[in-house]
Amino acid sequence: MLVKLSIPQLKAKLEEMTAIADKMEFLNGNRIKKIIEINTDRDHTSGWKATALAPLENSPELRALASQQKLLWDVIEEQRKIWQDSAGLLRAAVVPERPERMGVEAYGLAVAELNFLITEAAALSVNPEALQAAVDAAVLAENWRRLYALTLGRIDAQGLALTSTTSIGQVIGTPLSALPLPGRDESDEIFFQCKLAKLRCEAVILQLEARDILSGPGRGWELSSKTTLAIANRDRANDIQQRDRLRAAPTALERWEIYKDGIPALPDFQKRVDEALERVRAIGSELQ
């Protein structure tokens, strides 16, 4: 069974990944300088140059660091799936800890309060509209204990609370993934920063495997790494935009409409496509 790491533990993993990325970029910069020095050397034979270049072109140290980074990334991917379980996040935020941790009296009061809220939710469940209105109110107030009681056993596989079909056949529900549950935003940002550190390492390895010591718009490895980085940043920006739009919606029906339709098309999308094509044509002209 996987153990869920705490926010401080996730931050420690991020620090490790960032340190590895920094080290790889530093070592790669020094490696390229040495390769340039050897290539421009006029005092040694071609055999000496080949021997001196071999460890720099293969760089076992960079590959070892990349392997270490991959192991850390595998841990982060496992943790990301755990932290993206909205029902689990909600439960962790409200269910009382063990008596020995919070004290017997405090534990008893917390359990009694939660049981009262669950009983109240059961009474409301006979009227789906009243139950949904209570959920909307709990979401707006960020009353996680009440929201947990209202949605307990009423969350579908997509993480939608109180999913139901209206008289006109429209599905509504509250997407828990959009709510600012305790630890949600902070962990999401940590996972994103970990991904950026991973992409930085992959860019170094791409340059190493391309045996390229130059940089510029015509370098395949650099174009690939910058494209991947741009996509990651774009997806993150879209996720935040969608999250904020969902959080601003006061009712479940409005949240569902936003959740279903997603981010609207950017008005300058075609313009961006045309600009990208022009850059591609320019790169092709430079290579001819």
C-alpha atoms as a PDB file:
ATOM      1  CA  MET A   1       0.000   0.000   0.000  1.00  0.00           C
ATOM      2  CA  LEU A   2       1.366   3.415  -0.977  1.00  0.00           C
ATOM      3  CA  VAL A   3       1.985   5.887   1.826  1.00  0.00           C
ATOM      4  CA  LYS A   4       0.713   9.402   1.199  1.00  0.00           C
ATOM      5  CA  LEU A   5       3.528  11.911   1.664  1.00  0.00           C
ATOM      6  CA  SER A   6       2.828  15.154   3.494  1.00  0.00           C
ATOM      7  CA  ILE A   7       3.261  18.601   1.914  1.00  0.00           C
ATOM      8  CA  PRO A   8       6.686  19.090   3.610  1.00  0.00           C
ATOM      9  CA  GLN A   9       7.769  15.684   2.292  1.00  0.00           C
ATOM     10  CA  LEU A  10       6.600  16.604  -1.225  1.00  0.00           C
ATOM     11  CA  LYS A  11       8.559  19.850  -0.970  1.00  0.00           C
ATOM     12  CA  ALA A  12      11.657  17.863  -0.005  1.00  0.00           C
ATOM     13  CA  LYS A  13      11.235  15.729  -3.152  1.00  0.00           C
ATOM     14  CA  LEU A  14      10.887  18.898  -5.231  1.00  0.00           C
ATOM     15  CA  GLU A  15      14.091  20.276  -3.733  1.00  0.00           C
ATOM     16  CA  GLU A  16      15.895  17.064  -4.667  1.00  0.00           C
ATOM     17  CA  MET A  17      14.616  17.187  -8.243  1.00  0.00           C
ATOM     18  CA  THR A  18      15.455  20.881  -8.619  1.00  0.00           C
ATOM     19  CA  ALA A  19      18.964  20.291  -7.254  1.00  0.00           C
ATOM     20  CA  ILE A  20      19.514  17.478  -9.768  1.00  0.00           C
ATOM     21  CA  ALA A  21      18.285  19.665 -12.642  1.00  0.00           C
ATOM     22  CA  ASP A  22      20.593  22.509 -11.536  1.00  0.00           C
ATOM     23  CA  LYS A  23      23.549  20.144 -11.302  1.00  0.00           C
ATOM     24  CA  MET A  24      22.874  18.577 -14.687  1.00  0.00           C
ATOM     25  CA  GLU A  25      22.672  21.959 -16.406  1.00  0.00           C
ATOM     26  CA  PHE A  26      25.885  23.090 -14.670  1.00  0.00           C
ATOM     27  CA  LEU A  27      27.753  19.899 -15.610  1.00  0.00           C
ATOM     28  CA  ASN A  28      26.428  20.078 -19.162  1.00  0.00           C
ATOM     29  CA  GLY A  29      27.652  23.656 -19.524  1.00  0.00           C
ATOM     30  CA  ASN A  30      31.133  22.670 -18.360  1.00  0.00           C
ATOM     31  CA  ARG A  31      31.045  19.602 -20.619  1.00  0.00           C
ATOM     32  CA  ILE A  32      30.296  21.719 -23.681  1.00  0.00           C
ATOM     33  CA  LYS A  33      33.085  24.181 -22.829  1.00  0.00           C
ATOM     34  CA  LYS A  34      35.594  21.318 -22.584  1.00  0.00           C
ATOM     35  CA  ILE A  35      34.408  19.813 -25.877  1.00  0.00           C
ATOM     36  CA  ILE A  36      34.870  23.180 -27.589  1.00  0.00           C
ATOM     37  CA  GLU A  37      38.356  23.532 -26.080  1.00  0.00           C
ATOM     38  CA  ILE A  38      39.372  20.064 -27.275  1.00  0.00           C
ATOM     39  CA  ASN A  39      37.927  20.603 -30.757  1.00  0.00           C
ATOM     40  CA  THR A  40      39.842  23.884 -31.172  1.00  0.00           C
ATOM     41  CA  ASP A  41      43.084  22.497 -29.718  1.00  0.00           C
ATOM     42  CA  ARG A  42      46.043  22.564 -32.125  1.00  0.00           C
ATOM     43  CA  ASP A  43      48.681  20.972 -29.884  1.00  0.00           C
ATOM     44  CA  HIS A  44      47.457  17.370 -29.748  1.00  0.00           C
ATOM     45  CA  THR A  45      46.823  14.554 -32.193  1.00  0.00           C
ATOM     46  CA  SER A  46      43.392  13.441 -33.393  1.00  0.00           C
ATOM     47  CA  GLY A  47      43.835  10.224 -31.383  1.00  0.00           C
ATOM     48  CA  TRP A  48      44.350  12.200 -28.186  1.00  0.00           C
ATOM     49  CA  LYS A  49      41.291  14.308 -28.975  1.00  0.00           C
ATOM     50  CA  ALA A  50      39.117  11.233 -29.557  1.00  0.00           C
ATOM     51  CA  THR A  51      40.203   9.748 -26.210  1.00  0.00           C
ATOM     52  CA  ALA A  52      39.571  13.031 -24.387  1.00  0.00           C
ATOM     53  CA  LEU A  53      36.166  13.537 -26.024  1.00  0.00           C
ATOM     54  CA  ALA A  54      34.782  10.046 -25.328  1.00  0.00           C
ATOM     55  CA  PRO A  55      33.832  10.531 -21.642  1.00  0.00           C
ATOM     56  CA  LEU A  56      32.466  14.001 -22.409  1.00  0.00           C
ATOM     57  CA  GLU A  57      30.261  12.797 -25.249  1.00  0.00           C
ATOM     58  CA  ASN A  58      28.921   9.841 -23.258  1.00  0.00           C
ATOM     59  CA  SER A  59      28.909  11.553 -19.830  1.00  0.00           C
ATOM     60  CA  PRO A  60      28.114   8.682 -17.417  1.00  0.00           C
ATOM     61  CA  GLU A  61      27.655  11.258 -14.638  1.00  0.00           C
ATOM     62  CA  LEU A  62      24.819  13.027 -16.481  1.00  0.00           C
ATOM     63  CA  ARG A  63      23.157   9.710 -17.274  1.00  0.00           C
ATOM     64  CA  ALA A  64      23.420   8.627 -13.627  1.00  0.00           C
ATOM     65  CA  LEU A  65      21.792  11.872 -12.494  1.00  0.00           C
ATOM     66  CA  ALA A  66      19.047  11.432 -15.113  1.00  0.00           C
ATOM     67  CA  SER A  67      18.354   7.924 -13.760  1.00  0.00           C
ATOM     68  CA  GLN A  68      18.142   9.322 -10.232  1.00  0.00           C
ATOM     69  CA  GLN A  69      15.728  11.979 -11.461  1.00  0.00           C
ATOM     70  CA  LYS A  70      13.562   9.336 -13.117  1.00  0.00           C
ATOM     71  CA  LEU A  71      13.274   7.418  -9.848  1.00  0.00           C
ATOM     72  CA  LEU A  72      12.178  10.583  -8.056  1.00  0.00           C
ATOM     73  CA  TRP A  73       9.681  11.336 -10.823  1.00  0.00           C
ATOM     74  CA  ASP A  74       8.158   7.864 -10.455  1.00  0.00           C
ATOM     75  CA  VAL A  75       7.570   8.639  -6.766  1.00  0.00           C
ATOM     76  CA  ILE A  76       6.003  11.999  -7.661  1.00  0.00           C
ATOM     77  CA  GLU A  77       3.687  10.356 -10.208  1.00  0.00           C
ATOM     78  CA  GLU A  78       2.516   7.876  -7.569  1.00  0.00           C
ATOM     79  CA  GLN A  79       1.909  10.700  -5.091  1.00  0.00           C
ATOM     80  CA  ARG A  80       0.115  12.828  -7.677  1.00  0.00           C
ATOM     81  CA  LYS A  81      -2.507  10.121  -8.165  1.00  0.00           C
ATOM     82  CA  ILE A  82      -3.038   9.896  -4.405  1.00  0.00           C
ATOM     83  CA  TRP A  83      -3.319  13.674  -3.971  1.00  0.00           C
ATOM     84  CA  GLN A  84      -5.723  13.993  -6.914  1.00  0.00           C
ATOM     85  CA  ASP A  85      -8.237  11.739  -5.183  1.00  0.00           C
ATOM     86  CA  SER A  86     -10.696  14.484  -4.229  1.00  0.00           C
ATOM     87  CA  ALA A  87     -12.807  12.240  -2.010  1.00  0.00           C
ATOM     88  CA  GLY A  88      -9.662  11.227  -0.142  1.00  0.00           C
ATOM     89  CA  LEU A  89      -8.588  14.856   0.278  1.00  0.00           C
ATOM     90  CA  LEU A  90     -12.009  15.797   1.605  1.00  0.00           C
ATOM     91  CA  ARG A  91     -12.027  12.895   4.027  1.00  0.00           C
ATOM     92  CA  ALA A  92      -8.516  13.661   5.290  1.00  0.00           C
ATOM     93  CA  ALA A  93      -9.551  17.267   5.950  1.00  0.00           C
ATOM     94  CA  VAL A  94     -12.519  16.462   8.178  1.00  0.00           C
ATOM     95  CA  VAL A  95     -12.376  12.966   9.661  1.00  0.00           C
ATOM     96  CA  PRO A  96     -10.948  13.214  13.202  1.00  0.00           C
ATOM     97  CA  GLU A  97      -7.523  11.769  13.898  1.00  0.00           C
ATOM     98  CA  ARG A  98      -6.956   9.003  16.434  1.00  0.00           C
ATOM     99  CA  PRO A  99      -7.792   9.853  20.072  1.00  0.00           C
ATOM    100  CA  GLU A 100      -4.143   9.521  21.163  1.00  0.00           C
ATOM    101  CA  ARG A 101      -3.197  12.286  18.743  1.00  0.00           C
ATOM    102  CA  MET A 102      -5.873  14.912  19.435  1.00  0.00           C
ATOM    103  CA  GLY A 103      -7.022  13.932  22.886  1.00  0.00           C
ATOM    104  CA  VAL A 104      -9.982  11.756  23.884  1.00  0.00           C
ATOM    105  CA  GLU A 105     -12.357  14.650  24.662  1.00  0.00           C
ATOM    106  CA  ALA A 106     -11.622  16.583  21.454  1.00  0.00           C
ATOM    107  CA  TYR A 107     -11.912  13.369  19.438  1.00  0.00           C
ATOM    108  CA  GLY A 108     -15.292  12.544  20.963  1.00  0.00           C
ATOM    109  CA  LEU A 109     -16.672  16.023  20.234  1.00  0.00           C
ATOM    110  CA  ALA A 110     -15.405  15.933  16.630  1.00  0.00           C
ATOM    111  CA  VAL A 111     -16.942  12.507  15.998  1.00  0.00           C
ATOM    112  CA  ALA A 112     -20.251  13.581  17.544  1.00  0.00           C
ATOM    113  CA  GLU A 113     -20.386  16.704  15.374  1.00  0.00           C
ATOM    114  CA  LEU A 114     -19.601  14.737  12.227  1.00  0.00           C
ATOM    115  CA  ASN A 115     -22.234  12.111  13.039  1.00  0.00           C
ATOM    116  CA  PHE A 116     -24.815  14.873  13.548  1.00  0.00           C
ATOM    117  CA  LEU A 117     -23.981  16.365  10.131  1.00  0.00           C
ATOM    118  CA  ILE A 118     -24.219  12.928   8.476  1.00  0.00           C
ATOM    119  CA  THR A 119     -27.649  12.369  10.073  1.00  0.00           C
ATOM    120  CA  GLU A 120     -28.761  15.795   8.863  1.00  0.00           C
ATOM    121  CA  ALA A 121     -27.565  14.950   5.334  1.00  0.00           C
ATOM    122  CA  ALA A 122     -29.535  11.702   5.393  1.00  0.00           C
ATOM    123  CA  ALA A 123     -32.680  13.674   6.250  1.00  0.00           C
ATOM    124  CA  LEU A 124     -32.021  16.140   3.422  1.00  0.00           C
ATOM    125  CA  SER A 125     -31.447  13.344   0.890  1.00  0.00           C
ATOM    126  CA  VAL A 126     -35.182  12.737   0.519  1.00  0.00           C
ATOM    127  CA  ASN A 127     -35.271  16.066  -1.341  1.00  0.00           C
ATOM    128  CA  PRO A 128     -32.495  16.112  -4.010  1.00  0.00           C
ATOM    129  CA  GLU A 129     -32.932  19.839  -4.658  1.00  0.00           C
ATOM    130  CA  ALA A 130     -32.536  20.685  -0.974  1.00  0.00           C
ATOM    131  CA  LEU A 131     -29.512  18.408  -0.743  1.00  0.00           C
ATOM    132  CA  GLN A 132     -27.919  20.063  -3.781  1.00  0.00           C
ATOM    133  CA  ALA A 133     -28.639  23.543  -2.385  1.00  0.00           C
ATOM    134  CA  ALA A 134     -26.948  22.521   0.871  1.00  0.00           C
ATOM    135  CA  VAL A 135     -23.919  21.323  -1.078  1.00  0.00           C
ATOM    136  CA  ASP A 136     -23.761  24.616  -2.982  1.00  0.00           C
ATOM    137  CA  ALA A 137     -23.866  26.531   0.300  1.00  0.00           C
ATOM    138  CA  ALA A 138     -21.149  24.347   1.834  1.00  0.00           C
ATOM    139  CA  VAL A 139     -18.926  24.804  -1.238  1.00  0.00           C
ATOM    140  CA  LEU A 140     -19.283  28.587  -1.206  1.00  0.00           C
ATOM    141  CA  ALA A 141     -18.575  28.692   2.534  1.00  0.00           C
ATOM    142  CA  GLU A 142     -15.716  26.168   2.151  1.00  0.00           C
ATOM    143  CA  ASN A 143     -17.294  24.230   5.010  1.00  0.00           C
ATOM    144  CA  TRP A 144     -15.507  20.948   4.317  1.00  0.00           C
ATOM    145  CA  ARG A 145     -16.942  19.065   7.286  1.00  0.00           C
ATOM    146  CA  ARG A 146     -20.506  19.778   6.148  1.00  0.00           C
ATOM    147  CA  LEU A 147     -19.630  19.066   2.510  1.00  0.00           C
ATOM    148  CA  TYR A 148     -18.150  15.708   3.497  1.00  0.00           C
ATOM    149  CA  ALA A 149     -21.304  14.731   5.358  1.00  0.00           C
ATOM    150  CA  LEU A 150     -23.556  15.845   2.490  1.00  0.00           C
ATOM    151  CA  THR A 151     -21.590  13.978  -0.193  1.00  0.00           C
ATOM    152  CA  LEU A 152     -20.645  10.848   1.753  1.00  0.00           C
ATOM    153  CA  GLY A 153     -21.522   7.898  -0.486  1.00  0.00           C
ATOM    154  CA  ARG A 154     -22.768  10.270  -3.195  1.00  0.00           C
ATOM    155  CA  ILE A 155     -19.627  10.742  -5.318  1.00  0.00           C
ATOM    156  CA  ASP A 156     -19.327   9.045  -8.723  1.00  0.00           C
ATOM    157  CA  ALA A 157     -16.245   7.640 -10.454  1.00  0.00           C
ATOM    158  CA  GLN A 158     -15.547  11.010 -12.122  1.00  0.00           C
ATOM    159  CA  GLY A 159     -15.338  12.782  -8.764  1.00  0.00           C
ATOM    160  CA  LEU A 160     -18.706  14.494  -9.181  1.00  0.00           C
ATOM    161  CA  ALA A 161     -20.771  14.847  -6.029  1.00  0.00           C
ATOM    162  CA  LEU A 162     -24.548  14.289  -6.156  1.00  0.00           C
ATOM    163  CA  THR A 163     -24.523  13.539  -9.884  1.00  0.00           C
ATOM    164  CA  SER A 164     -28.108  13.217 -11.103  1.00  0.00           C
ATOM    165  CA  THR A 165     -30.250  13.682 -14.193  1.00  0.00           C
ATOM    166  CA  THR A 166     -32.753  16.502 -14.366  1.00  0.00           C
ATOM    167  CA  SER A 167     -36.192  16.311 -15.960  1.00  0.00           C
ATOM    168  CA  ILE A 168     -34.719  17.556 -19.250  1.00  0.00           C
ATOM    169  CA  GLY A 169     -32.011  14.891 -19.212  1.00  0.00           C
ATOM    170  CA  GLN A 170     -29.192  17.198 -18.164  1.00  0.00           C
ATOM    171  CA  VAL A 171     -26.512  15.801 -15.871  1.00  0.00           C
ATOM    172  CA  ILE A 172     -25.483  18.064 -13.002  1.00  0.00           C
ATOM    173  CA  GLY A 173     -23.010  17.663 -10.178  1.00  0.00           C
ATOM    174  CA  THR A 174     -20.273  19.299  -8.165  1.00  0.00           C
ATOM    175  CA  PRO A 175     -16.763  18.531  -9.513  1.00  0.00           C
ATOM    176  CA  LEU A 176     -14.759  18.129  -6.303  1.00  0.00           C
ATOM    177  CA  SER A 177     -11.503  18.389  -8.263  1.00  0.00           C
ATOM    178  CA  ALA A 178     -12.132  22.123  -8.708  1.00  0.00           C
ATOM    179  CA  LEU A 179     -12.605  22.905  -5.023  1.00  0.00           C
ATOM    180  CA  PRO A 180      -9.840  24.463  -2.889  1.00  0.00           C
ATOM    181  CA  LEU A 181      -9.663  21.442  -0.595  1.00  0.00           C
ATOM    182  CA  PRO A 182      -6.872  21.655   2.005  1.00  0.00           C
ATOM    183  CA  GLY A 183      -3.565  20.795   0.330  1.00  0.00           C
ATOM    184  CA  ARG A 184      -5.017  20.694  -3.202  1.00  0.00           C
ATOM    185  CA  ASP A 185      -3.532  23.897  -4.664  1.00  0.00           C
ATOM    186  CA  GLU A 186      -0.205  23.591  -2.853  1.00  0.00           C
ATOM    187  CA  SER A 187       0.324  19.982  -3.912  1.00  0.00           C
ATOM    188  CA  ASP A 188      -0.709  20.757  -7.509  1.00  0.00           C
ATOM    189  CA  GLU A 189       1.933  23.505  -7.699  1.00  0.00           C
ATOM    190  CA  ILE A 190       4.580  21.189  -6.242  1.00  0.00           C
ATOM    191  CA  PHE A 191       3.765  18.499  -8.813  1.00  0.00           C
ATOM    192  CA  PHE A 192       3.969  21.064 -11.621  1.00  0.00           C
ATOM    193  CA  GLN A 193       7.353  22.355 -10.436  1.00  0.00           C
ATOM    194  CA  CYS A 194       8.578  18.744 -10.240  1.00  0.00           C
ATOM    195  CA  LYS A 195       7.510  18.278 -13.857  1.00  0.00           C
ATOM    196  CA  LEU A 196       9.496  21.369 -14.886  1.00  0.00           C
ATOM    197  CA  ALA A 197      12.590  20.000 -13.132  1.00  0.00           C
ATOM    198  CA  LYS A 198      12.104  16.702 -14.951  1.00  0.00           C
ATOM    199  CA  LEU A 199      11.808  18.479 -18.332  1.00  0.00           C
ATOM    200  CA  ARG A 200      15.007  20.433 -17.648  1.00  0.00           C
ATOM    201  CA  CYS A 201      16.864  17.164 -17.115  1.00  0.00           C
ATOM    202  CA  GLU A 202      15.371  15.643 -20.242  1.00  0.00           C
ATOM    203  CA  ALA A 203      16.558  18.670 -22.268  1.00  0.00           C
ATOM    204  CA  VAL A 204      20.123  18.039 -21.113  1.00  0.00           C
ATOM    205  CA  ILE A 205      19.919  14.378 -22.104  1.00  0.00           C
ATOM    206  CA  LEU A 206      18.427  15.308 -25.493  1.00  0.00           C
ATOM    207  CA  GLN A 207      21.416  17.544 -26.196  1.00  0.00           C
ATOM    208  CA  LEU A 208      23.814  14.868 -24.952  1.00  0.00           C
ATOM    209  CA  GLU A 209      22.336  12.188 -27.192  1.00  0.00           C
ATOM    210  CA  ALA A 210      22.247  14.573 -30.167  1.00  0.00           C
ATOM    211  CA  ARG A 211      26.024  15.112 -29.691  1.00  0.00           C
ATOM    212  CA  ASP A 212      25.316  18.784 -30.280  1.00  0.00           C
ATOM    213  CA  ILE A 213      27.252  21.580 -28.575  1.00  0.00           C
ATOM    214  CA  LEU A 214      25.379  24.426 -30.253  1.00  0.00           C
ATOM    215  CA  SER A 215      21.981  25.972 -29.614  1.00  0.00           C
ATOM    216  CA  GLY A 216      19.504  27.870 -31.718  1.00  0.00           C
ATOM    217  CA  PRO A 217      16.116  27.648 -33.474  1.00  0.00           C
ATOM    218  CA  GLY A 218      17.395  25.066 -35.957  1.00  0.00           C
ATOM    219  CA  ARG A 219      18.529  22.517 -33.365  1.00  0.00           C
ATOM    220  CA  GLY A 220      16.114  19.607 -33.220  1.00  0.00           C
ATOM    221  CA  TRP A 221      16.792  18.721 -29.582  1.00  0.00           C
ATOM    222  CA  GLU A 222      16.254  22.310 -28.446  1.00  0.00           C
ATOM    223  CA  LEU A 223      13.052  22.734 -30.443  1.00  0.00           C
ATOM    224  CA  SER A 224      11.707  19.511 -28.934  1.00  0.00           C
ATOM    225  CA  SER A 225      12.569  20.467 -25.349  1.00  0.00           C
ATOM    226  CA  LYS A 226      11.208  24.016 -25.682  1.00  0.00           C
ATOM    227  CA  THR A 227       7.996  22.727 -27.271  1.00  0.00           C
ATOM    228  CA  THR A 228       7.471  20.246 -24.423  1.00  0.00           C
ATOM    229  CA  LEU A 229       8.114  22.977 -21.859  1.00  0.00           C
ATOM    230  CA  ALA A 230       5.724  25.387 -23.593  1.00  0.00           C
ATOM    231  CA  ILE A 231       2.992  22.733 -23.677  1.00  0.00           C
ATOM    232  CA  ALA A 232       3.462  22.019 -19.967  1.00  0.00           C
ATOM    233  CA  ASN A 233       3.166  25.715 -19.100  1.00  0.00           C
ATOM    234  CA  ARG A 234       0.131  26.135 -21.369  1.00  0.00           C
ATOM    235  CA  ASP A 235      -1.644  23.133 -19.851  1.00  0.00           C
ATOM    236  CA  ARG A 236      -0.927  24.415 -16.352  1.00  0.00           C
ATOM    237  CA  ALA A 237      -2.309  27.860 -17.215  1.00  0.00           C
ATOM    238  CA  ASN A 238      -5.454  26.270 -18.708  1.00  0.00           C
ATOM    239  CA  ASP A 239      -5.932  24.092 -15.626  1.00  0.00           C
ATOM    240  CA  ILE A 240      -5.712  27.116 -13.333  1.00  0.00           C
ATOM    241  CA  GLN A 241      -8.093  29.104 -15.540  1.00  0.00           C
ATOM    242  CA  GLN A 242     -10.618  26.277 -15.581  1.00  0.00           C
ATOM    243  CA  ARG A 243     -10.264  25.749 -11.831  1.00  0.00           C
ATOM    244  CA  ASP A 244     -10.860  29.437 -11.083  1.00  0.00           C
ATOM    245  CA  ARG A 245     -13.899  29.559 -13.379  1.00  0.00           C
ATOM    246  CA  LEU A 246     -15.401  26.532 -11.657  1.00  0.00           C
ATOM    247  CA  ARG A 247     -14.777  27.978  -8.204  1.00  0.00           C
ATOM    248  CA  ALA A 248     -16.443  31.249  -9.175  1.00  0.00           C
ATOM    249  CA  ALA A 249     -19.685  29.476 -10.214  1.00  0.00           C
ATOM    250  CA  PRO A 250     -22.231  29.635  -7.374  1.00  0.00           C
ATOM    251  CA  THR A 251     -24.382  26.642  -8.336  1.00  0.00           C
ATOM    252  CA  ALA A 252     -23.796  23.022  -9.251  1.00  0.00           C
ATOM    253  CA  LEU A 253     -25.537  23.449 -12.603  1.00  0.00           C
ATOM    254  CA  GLU A 254     -23.236  26.338 -13.566  1.00  0.00           C
ATOM    255  CA  ARG A 255     -20.199  24.392 -12.407  1.00  0.00           C
ATOM    256  CA  TRP A 256     -21.276  21.401 -14.479  1.00  0.00           C
ATOM    257  CA  GLU A 257     -21.711  23.516 -17.623  1.00  0.00           C
ATOM    258  CA  ILE A 258     -18.168  24.876 -17.243  1.00  0.00           C
ATOM    259  CA  TYR A 259     -16.820  21.420 -16.403  1.00  0.00           C
ATOM    260  CA  LYS A 260     -18.482  19.912 -19.484  1.00  0.00           C
ATOM    261  CA  ASP A 261     -17.579  22.642 -21.983  1.00  0.00           C
ATOM    262  CA  GLY A 262     -13.990  23.218 -20.844  1.00  0.00           C
ATOM    263  CA  ILE A 263     -11.810  26.169 -21.787  1.00  0.00           C
ATOM    264  CA  PRO A 264     -13.276  28.174 -24.695  1.00  0.00           C
ATOM    265  CA  ALA A 265     -11.189  28.509 -27.850  1.00  0.00           C
ATOM    266  CA  LEU A 266      -8.769  31.418 -27.751  1.00  0.00           C
ATOM    267  CA  PRO A 267      -9.810  34.237 -30.122  1.00  0.00           C
ATOM    268  CA  ASP A 268      -6.282  34.485 -31.542  1.00  0.00           C
ATOM    269  CA  PHE A 269      -5.832  30.732 -32.074  1.00  0.00           C
ATOM    270  CA  GLN A 270      -5.554  30.924 -35.883  1.00  0.00           C
ATOM    271  CA  LYS A 271      -3.138  33.841 -35.585  1.00  0.00           C
ATOM    272  CA  ARG A 272      -0.900  31.716 -33.377  1.00  0.00           C
ATOM    273  CA  VAL A 273      -1.027  28.867 -35.884  1.00  0.00           C
ATOM    274  CA  ASP A 274       0.005  31.213 -38.715  1.00  0.00           C
ATOM    275  CA  GLU A 275       2.888  32.592 -36.650  1.00  0.00           C
ATOM    276  CA  ALA A 276       4.093  29.081 -35.859  1.00  0.00           C
ATOM    277  CA  LEU A 277       4.022  28.147 -39.548  1.00  0.00           C
ATOM    278  CA  GLU A 278       6.077  31.257 -40.370  1.00  0.00           C
ATOM    279  CA  ARG A 279       8.678  30.220 -37.787  1.00  0.00           C
ATOM    280  CA  VAL A 280       8.844  26.731 -39.298  1.00  0.00           C
ATOM    281  CA  ARG A 281       9.350  28.197 -42.775  1.00  0.00           C
ATOM    282  CA  ALA A 282      12.097  30.486 -41.433  1.00  0.00           C
ATOM    283  CA  ILE A 283      13.894  27.556 -39.820  1.00  0.00           C
ATOM    284  CA  GLY A 284      13.658  25.613 -43.102  1.00  0.00           C
ATOM    285  CA  SER A 285      15.215  28.533 -44.997  1.00  0.00           C
ATOM    286  CA  GLU A 286      18.116  28.740 -42.553  1.00  0.00           C
ATOM    287  CA  LEU A 287      18.882  25.045 -42.945  1.00  0.00           C
ATOM    288  CA  GLN A 288      19.022  25.202 -46.761  1.00  0.00           C
END
